[in-house]
């Protein structure tokens, strides 16, 4: 699999995980210099619903798949992924993509990876949708 000791735990992301959304959501972590990726909830042994609740997603839809499946999909297009524990609510992890040959963390999500992930992620209505933020006057 080429992704270390990733188990079959669920990876959950708020929203529909469409390729353009994954690309625009991929960037530097505001509190961890040098860490790039997009935010997910990940904790082996937790259910999709538990991860959705922990993530406090405001999205009507969540996207999910096992870490092992996502690792295989990313590897199939020549990259590797890492789920890196990082500051954030719930079981926050940063989904980082590395170029397989150089093991260099990507500062932008390659389109081929985004497209492969968008196909792999499954989508369901968010079972624990957080209330919207109050609007500022």
N, C-alpha and C. Protein backbone atom coordinates (compact mmCIF):
# COMPACT_ATOMS: atom_id res chain seq x y z
N UNK A 1 0.82 -1.19 0.00
CA UNK A 1 0.00 0.00 0.00
C UNK A 1 0.87 1.26 0.00
N UNK A 2 2.03 1.20 0.58
CA UNK A 2 2.95 2.32 0.51
C UNK A 2 2.56 3.50 1.39
N UNK A 3 1.72 3.30 2.38
CA UNK A 3 1.27 4.43 3.19
C UNK A 3 1.46 4.15 4.68
N UNK A 4 2.45 3.39 5.01
CA UNK A 4 2.72 3.15 6.42
C UNK A 4 1.70 2.20 7.03
N UNK A 5 1.35 2.46 8.27
CA UNK A 5 0.49 1.55 9.02
C UNK A 5 -0.97 1.97 8.99
N UNK A 6 -1.43 2.50 7.86
CA UNK A 6 -2.83 2.89 7.77
C UNK A 6 -3.71 1.67 7.87
N UNK A 7 -4.67 1.74 8.75
CA UNK A 7 -5.63 0.66 8.87
C UNK A 7 -6.84 0.95 8.02
N UNK A 8 -7.92 0.25 8.34
CA UNK A 8 -9.12 0.44 7.55
C UNK A 8 -10.08 1.40 8.22
N UNK A 9 -9.58 2.25 9.12
CA UNK A 9 -10.44 3.24 9.75
C UNK A 9 -11.05 4.17 8.72
N UNK A 10 -12.16 4.79 9.11
CA UNK A 10 -12.86 5.70 8.20
C UNK A 10 -12.19 7.06 8.15
N UNK A 11 -12.18 7.65 6.98
CA UNK A 11 -11.78 9.04 6.77
C UNK A 11 -13.05 9.78 6.39
N UNK A 12 -13.38 10.86 7.13
CA UNK A 12 -14.60 11.60 6.89
C UNK A 12 -14.25 13.07 6.65
N UNK A 13 -14.87 13.64 5.61
CA UNK A 13 -14.68 15.05 5.27
C UNK A 13 -16.04 15.69 5.08
N UNK A 14 -16.18 16.92 5.56
CA UNK A 14 -17.41 17.67 5.35
C UNK A 14 -17.54 18.07 3.89
N UNK A 15 -18.75 17.99 3.36
CA UNK A 15 -19.00 18.37 1.97
C UNK A 15 -19.00 17.18 1.04
N UNK A 16 -19.05 17.48 -0.26
CA UNK A 16 -19.20 16.43 -1.27
C UNK A 16 -17.89 15.90 -1.83
N UNK A 17 -16.75 16.42 -1.39
CA UNK A 17 -15.43 15.95 -1.84
C UNK A 17 -15.33 15.86 -3.36
N UNK A 18 -15.82 16.92 -4.03
CA UNK A 18 -15.65 17.02 -5.49
C UNK A 18 -14.21 17.46 -5.75
N UNK A 19 -13.68 17.10 -6.90
CA UNK A 19 -12.28 17.42 -7.21
C UNK A 19 -11.96 18.91 -7.01
N UNK A 20 -12.76 19.85 -7.55
CA UNK A 20 -12.41 21.27 -7.34
C UNK A 20 -12.43 21.68 -5.86
N UNK A 21 -13.34 21.08 -5.07
CA UNK A 21 -13.39 21.40 -3.64
C UNK A 21 -12.17 20.86 -2.91
N UNK A 22 -11.72 19.67 -3.29
CA UNK A 22 -10.53 19.10 -2.67
C UNK A 22 -9.31 19.95 -3.01
N UNK A 23 -9.23 20.38 -4.26
CA UNK A 23 -8.09 21.22 -4.69
C UNK A 23 -8.09 22.55 -3.94
N UNK A 24 -9.25 23.20 -3.86
CA UNK A 24 -9.31 24.51 -3.19
C UNK A 24 -9.14 24.38 -1.68
N UNK A 25 -9.50 23.22 -1.11
CA UNK A 25 -9.36 23.01 0.32
C UNK A 25 -7.98 22.54 0.75
N UNK A 26 -7.12 22.27 -0.22
CA UNK A 26 -5.77 21.76 0.07
C UNK A 26 -4.82 22.94 0.19
N UNK A 27 -4.15 23.04 1.33
CA UNK A 27 -3.22 24.15 1.51
C UNK A 27 -2.45 24.01 2.79
N UNK A 28 -1.75 25.08 3.19
CA UNK A 28 -0.94 25.02 4.41
C UNK A 28 -1.82 24.96 5.65
N UNK A 29 -1.41 24.15 6.63
CA UNK A 29 -2.11 24.13 7.91
C UNK A 29 -1.73 25.42 8.64
N UNK A 30 -2.71 26.15 9.15
CA UNK A 30 -2.39 27.45 9.75
C UNK A 30 -1.54 27.38 11.02
N UNK A 31 -1.49 26.20 11.66
CA UNK A 31 -0.74 26.11 12.93
C UNK A 31 0.47 25.18 12.86
N UNK A 32 0.70 24.54 11.70
CA UNK A 32 1.81 23.60 11.59
C UNK A 32 2.65 23.97 10.36
N UNK A 33 3.74 24.71 10.57
CA UNK A 33 4.57 25.09 9.43
C UNK A 33 5.04 23.87 8.63
N UNK A 34 4.94 23.97 7.31
CA UNK A 34 5.41 22.90 6.43
C UNK A 34 4.40 21.79 6.18
N UNK A 35 3.25 21.84 6.84
CA UNK A 35 2.24 20.81 6.64
C UNK A 35 1.18 21.32 5.67
N UNK A 36 0.98 20.57 4.59
CA UNK A 36 -0.01 20.91 3.57
C UNK A 36 -0.99 19.75 3.44
N UNK A 37 -2.24 20.07 3.17
CA UNK A 37 -3.24 19.05 2.96
C UNK A 37 -4.63 19.62 3.12
N UNK A 38 -5.61 18.72 3.25
CA UNK A 38 -6.97 19.16 3.57
C UNK A 38 -7.42 18.46 4.84
N UNK A 39 -8.37 19.07 5.52
CA UNK A 39 -8.84 18.60 6.82
C UNK A 39 -9.79 17.42 6.69
N UNK A 40 -9.59 16.44 7.56
CA UNK A 40 -10.49 15.29 7.67
C UNK A 40 -10.59 14.90 9.13
N UNK A 41 -11.55 14.04 9.41
CA UNK A 41 -11.67 13.38 10.71
C UNK A 41 -11.23 11.93 10.49
N UNK A 42 -10.38 11.43 11.39
CA UNK A 42 -9.88 10.07 11.28
C UNK A 42 -9.54 9.55 12.66
N UNK A 43 -10.10 8.40 13.00
CA UNK A 43 -9.78 7.74 14.27
C UNK A 43 -10.19 6.28 14.12
N UNK A 44 -9.22 5.38 13.93
CA UNK A 44 -9.57 3.97 13.80
C UNK A 44 -10.46 3.51 14.96
N UNK A 45 -11.47 2.75 14.64
CA UNK A 45 -12.40 2.26 15.65
C UNK A 45 -13.65 3.12 15.80
N UNK A 46 -13.62 4.34 15.26
CA UNK A 46 -14.79 5.21 15.33
C UNK A 46 -15.67 4.98 14.09
N UNK A 47 -16.98 5.15 14.27
CA UNK A 47 -17.91 5.00 13.15
C UNK A 47 -17.93 6.29 12.33
N UNK A 48 -18.52 6.19 11.15
CA UNK A 48 -18.68 7.38 10.31
C UNK A 48 -19.49 8.44 11.06
N UNK A 49 -20.58 8.01 11.71
CA UNK A 49 -21.42 8.96 12.45
C UNK A 49 -20.66 9.61 13.60
N UNK A 50 -19.84 8.84 14.31
CA UNK A 50 -19.05 9.42 15.41
C UNK A 50 -18.05 10.45 14.88
N UNK A 51 -17.43 10.16 13.75
CA UNK A 51 -16.48 11.10 13.17
C UNK A 51 -17.20 12.35 12.66
N UNK A 52 -18.39 12.17 12.07
CA UNK A 52 -19.17 13.32 11.61
C UNK A 52 -19.55 14.21 12.79
N UNK A 53 -19.94 13.59 13.89
CA UNK A 53 -20.32 14.36 15.07
C UNK A 53 -19.10 15.10 15.62
N UNK A 54 -17.97 14.43 15.70
CA UNK A 54 -16.74 15.05 16.23
C UNK A 54 -16.28 16.21 15.36
N UNK A 55 -16.54 16.13 14.05
CA UNK A 55 -16.08 17.16 13.12
C UNK A 55 -16.90 18.43 13.13
N UNK A 56 -18.09 18.40 13.72
CA UNK A 56 -18.97 19.57 13.76
C UNK A 56 -19.13 20.21 12.38
N UNK A 57 -19.33 19.38 11.37
CA UNK A 57 -19.46 19.87 9.99
C UNK A 57 -20.80 20.59 9.82
N UNK A 58 -20.77 21.73 9.16
CA UNK A 58 -21.99 22.47 8.86
C UNK A 58 -22.58 22.02 7.52
N UNK A 59 -21.82 21.24 6.79
CA UNK A 59 -22.25 20.77 5.47
C UNK A 59 -23.44 19.84 5.58
N UNK A 60 -24.34 19.90 4.60
CA UNK A 60 -25.49 18.99 4.56
C UNK A 60 -25.05 17.57 4.20
N UNK A 61 -23.92 17.46 3.51
CA UNK A 61 -23.40 16.18 3.05
C UNK A 61 -22.01 15.96 3.63
N UNK A 62 -21.70 14.69 3.93
CA UNK A 62 -20.32 14.33 4.28
C UNK A 62 -19.83 13.29 3.28
N UNK A 63 -18.52 13.21 3.15
CA UNK A 63 -17.88 12.23 2.28
C UNK A 63 -17.04 11.31 3.15
N UNK A 64 -16.98 10.04 2.78
CA UNK A 64 -16.25 9.09 3.61
C UNK A 64 -15.71 7.94 2.76
N UNK A 65 -14.67 7.32 3.26
CA UNK A 65 -14.11 6.10 2.68
C UNK A 65 -13.06 5.60 3.67
N UNK A 66 -12.66 4.34 3.53
CA UNK A 66 -11.63 3.82 4.42
C UNK A 66 -10.27 4.40 4.04
N UNK A 67 -9.41 4.52 5.04
CA UNK A 67 -8.05 5.01 4.80
C UNK A 67 -7.33 4.09 3.82
N UNK A 68 -7.53 2.78 3.97
CA UNK A 68 -6.84 1.82 3.09
C UNK A 68 -7.26 2.00 1.64
N UNK A 69 -8.56 2.19 1.39
CA UNK A 69 -9.03 2.39 0.02
C UNK A 69 -8.48 3.68 -0.56
N UNK A 70 -8.52 4.77 0.22
CA UNK A 70 -8.00 6.04 -0.26
C UNK A 70 -6.51 5.95 -0.56
N UNK A 71 -5.77 5.24 0.28
CA UNK A 71 -4.33 5.07 0.04
C UNK A 71 -4.09 4.33 -1.28
N UNK A 72 -4.89 3.30 -1.55
CA UNK A 72 -4.74 2.55 -2.81
C UNK A 72 -5.06 3.43 -4.01
N UNK A 73 -6.10 4.24 -3.89
CA UNK A 73 -6.50 5.13 -4.99
C UNK A 73 -5.40 6.14 -5.29
N UNK A 74 -4.87 6.74 -4.24
CA UNK A 74 -3.80 7.74 -4.41
C UNK A 74 -2.56 7.08 -5.01
N UNK A 75 -2.23 5.89 -4.52
CA UNK A 75 -1.06 5.18 -5.05
C UNK A 75 -1.25 4.81 -6.52
N UNK A 76 -2.48 4.52 -6.92
CA UNK A 76 -2.74 4.11 -8.31
C UNK A 76 -2.43 5.22 -9.32
N UNK A 77 -2.35 6.48 -8.86
CA UNK A 77 -2.01 7.58 -9.75
C UNK A 77 -0.61 8.13 -9.46
N UNK A 78 0.21 7.37 -8.72
CA UNK A 78 1.63 7.70 -8.57
C UNK A 78 1.99 8.53 -7.35
N UNK A 79 1.11 8.61 -6.38
CA UNK A 79 1.38 9.41 -5.18
C UNK A 79 1.16 8.56 -3.94
N UNK A 80 1.50 9.12 -2.79
CA UNK A 80 1.21 8.49 -1.51
C UNK A 80 0.45 9.48 -0.67
N UNK A 81 -0.28 8.98 0.33
CA UNK A 81 -0.99 9.85 1.24
C UNK A 81 -0.54 9.60 2.66
N UNK A 82 -0.72 10.59 3.50
CA UNK A 82 -0.48 10.47 4.93
C UNK A 82 -1.65 11.12 5.65
N UNK A 83 -2.09 10.51 6.71
CA UNK A 83 -3.07 11.11 7.61
C UNK A 83 -2.29 11.55 8.83
N UNK A 84 -2.11 12.85 8.98
CA UNK A 84 -1.22 13.40 10.00
C UNK A 84 -2.06 14.08 11.08
N UNK A 85 -1.98 13.60 12.33
CA UNK A 85 -2.71 14.29 13.40
C UNK A 85 -2.29 15.75 13.45
N UNK A 86 -3.26 16.65 13.51
CA UNK A 86 -2.94 18.07 13.50
C UNK A 86 -3.99 18.84 14.30
N UNK A 87 -3.64 20.07 14.74
CA UNK A 87 -4.58 20.85 15.52
C UNK A 87 -5.90 21.05 14.78
N UNK A 88 -6.98 20.92 15.52
CA UNK A 88 -8.32 21.07 14.99
C UNK A 88 -9.28 20.30 15.88
N UNK A 89 -10.56 20.49 15.70
CA UNK A 89 -11.55 19.87 16.55
C UNK A 89 -11.71 18.38 16.29
N UNK A 90 -12.28 17.70 17.26
CA UNK A 90 -12.58 16.28 17.11
C UNK A 90 -11.33 15.44 16.93
N UNK A 91 -11.35 14.60 15.91
CA UNK A 91 -10.22 13.71 15.60
C UNK A 91 -9.53 14.24 14.34
N UNK A 92 -9.18 15.53 14.38
CA UNK A 92 -8.65 16.22 13.20
C UNK A 92 -7.33 15.63 12.73
N UNK A 93 -7.28 15.40 11.44
CA UNK A 93 -6.05 15.00 10.76
C UNK A 93 -5.94 15.83 9.48
N UNK A 94 -4.73 15.97 9.01
CA UNK A 94 -4.50 16.58 7.71
C UNK A 94 -4.19 15.47 6.73
N UNK A 95 -4.94 15.45 5.62
CA UNK A 95 -4.76 14.48 4.55
C UNK A 95 -3.72 15.08 3.62
N UNK A 96 -2.49 14.60 3.71
CA UNK A 96 -1.38 15.12 2.92
C UNK A 96 -1.05 14.15 1.79
N UNK A 97 -0.62 14.70 0.67
CA UNK A 97 -0.26 13.90 -0.50
C UNK A 97 1.23 14.11 -0.79
N UNK A 98 1.93 12.99 -0.98
CA UNK A 98 3.36 13.03 -1.28
C UNK A 98 3.59 12.43 -2.66
N UNK A 99 4.55 13.00 -3.38
CA UNK A 99 4.92 12.42 -4.66
C UNK A 99 5.69 11.14 -4.37
N UNK A 100 5.25 10.04 -4.95
CA UNK A 100 5.77 8.71 -4.62
C UNK A 100 7.27 8.57 -4.82
N UNK A 101 7.80 9.18 -5.87
CA UNK A 101 9.23 9.00 -6.17
C UNK A 101 10.10 9.77 -5.19
N UNK A 102 9.78 11.03 -4.95
CA UNK A 102 10.64 11.88 -4.12
C UNK A 102 10.21 11.93 -2.65
N UNK A 103 9.00 11.44 -2.35
CA UNK A 103 8.42 11.51 -1.00
C UNK A 103 8.26 12.95 -0.54
N UNK A 104 8.15 13.89 -1.47
CA UNK A 104 8.00 15.30 -1.17
C UNK A 104 6.52 15.62 -0.98
N UNK A 105 6.21 16.28 0.15
CA UNK A 105 4.82 16.67 0.38
C UNK A 105 4.42 17.71 -0.66
N UNK A 106 3.26 17.54 -1.23
CA UNK A 106 2.78 18.43 -2.27
C UNK A 106 2.17 19.68 -1.64
N UNK A 107 2.50 20.85 -2.17
CA UNK A 107 1.94 22.09 -1.66
C UNK A 107 0.62 22.43 -2.35
N UNK A 108 0.33 21.75 -3.45
CA UNK A 108 -0.95 21.86 -4.15
C UNK A 108 -1.40 20.44 -4.48
N UNK A 109 -2.69 20.20 -4.40
CA UNK A 109 -3.21 18.87 -4.70
C UNK A 109 -3.22 18.66 -6.20
N UNK A 110 -2.48 17.66 -6.70
CA UNK A 110 -2.48 17.39 -8.13
C UNK A 110 -3.89 17.03 -8.62
N UNK A 111 -4.26 17.53 -9.77
CA UNK A 111 -5.59 17.30 -10.33
C UNK A 111 -5.90 15.81 -10.46
N UNK A 112 -4.92 15.02 -10.87
CA UNK A 112 -5.13 13.58 -11.05
C UNK A 112 -5.49 12.91 -9.72
N UNK A 113 -4.89 13.38 -8.63
CA UNK A 113 -5.19 12.83 -7.31
C UNK A 113 -6.59 13.28 -6.88
N UNK A 114 -6.90 14.55 -7.07
CA UNK A 114 -8.22 15.08 -6.69
C UNK A 114 -9.33 14.33 -7.42
N UNK A 115 -9.13 14.08 -8.71
CA UNK A 115 -10.14 13.38 -9.49
C UNK A 115 -10.31 11.94 -8.99
N UNK A 116 -9.22 11.27 -8.69
CA UNK A 116 -9.29 9.89 -8.20
C UNK A 116 -9.98 9.84 -6.84
N UNK A 117 -9.66 10.79 -5.95
CA UNK A 117 -10.30 10.82 -4.64
C UNK A 117 -11.79 11.13 -4.75
N UNK A 118 -12.14 12.05 -5.63
CA UNK A 118 -13.55 12.42 -5.81
C UNK A 118 -14.38 11.21 -6.23
N UNK A 119 -13.81 10.35 -7.03
CA UNK A 119 -14.51 9.14 -7.46
C UNK A 119 -14.60 8.14 -6.30
N UNK A 120 -13.54 8.05 -5.50
CA UNK A 120 -13.49 7.05 -4.42
C UNK A 120 -14.39 7.39 -3.24
N UNK A 121 -14.46 8.67 -2.87
CA UNK A 121 -15.27 9.05 -1.71
C UNK A 121 -16.74 8.74 -1.95
N UNK A 122 -17.38 8.17 -0.93
CA UNK A 122 -18.82 7.97 -0.92
C UNK A 122 -19.45 9.16 -0.20
N UNK A 123 -20.71 9.45 -0.50
CA UNK A 123 -21.38 10.60 0.10
C UNK A 123 -22.71 10.20 0.72
N UNK A 124 -23.00 10.80 1.88
CA UNK A 124 -24.29 10.58 2.56
C UNK A 124 -24.72 11.89 3.20
N UNK A 125 -26.01 12.01 3.52
CA UNK A 125 -26.43 13.18 4.29
C UNK A 125 -25.72 13.19 5.64
N UNK A 126 -25.34 14.36 6.10
CA UNK A 126 -24.63 14.51 7.37
C UNK A 126 -25.58 14.15 8.52
N UNK A 127 -25.27 13.08 9.27
CA UNK A 127 -26.16 12.66 10.36
C UNK A 127 -26.09 13.56 11.59
N UNK A 128 -25.08 14.43 11.66
CA UNK A 128 -24.89 15.30 12.83
C UNK A 128 -24.53 16.71 12.38
N UNK A 129 -25.36 17.27 11.52
CA UNK A 129 -25.05 18.60 10.97
C UNK A 129 -25.03 19.65 12.08
N UNK A 130 -23.94 20.41 12.11
CA UNK A 130 -23.81 21.49 13.10
C UNK A 130 -24.65 22.68 12.65
N UNK A 131 -25.15 23.46 13.60
CA UNK A 131 -25.95 24.64 13.21
C UNK A 131 -25.09 25.66 12.48
N UNK A 132 -25.70 26.41 11.58
CA UNK A 132 -24.93 27.44 10.87
C UNK A 132 -24.42 28.51 11.83
N UNK A 133 -23.33 29.13 11.45
CA UNK A 133 -22.79 30.23 12.26
C UNK A 133 -23.74 31.42 12.14
N UNK A 134 -23.92 32.17 13.22
CA UNK A 134 -24.77 33.37 13.12
C UNK A 134 -24.14 34.37 12.15
N UNK A 135 -24.98 35.02 11.40
CA UNK A 135 -24.47 36.03 10.45
C UNK A 135 -24.10 37.30 11.21
N UNK A 136 -23.04 37.92 10.74
CA UNK A 136 -22.61 39.19 11.35
C UNK A 136 -23.42 40.31 10.72
N UNK A 137 -23.81 41.30 11.53
CA UNK A 137 -24.62 42.42 10.98
C UNK A 137 -23.80 43.29 10.05
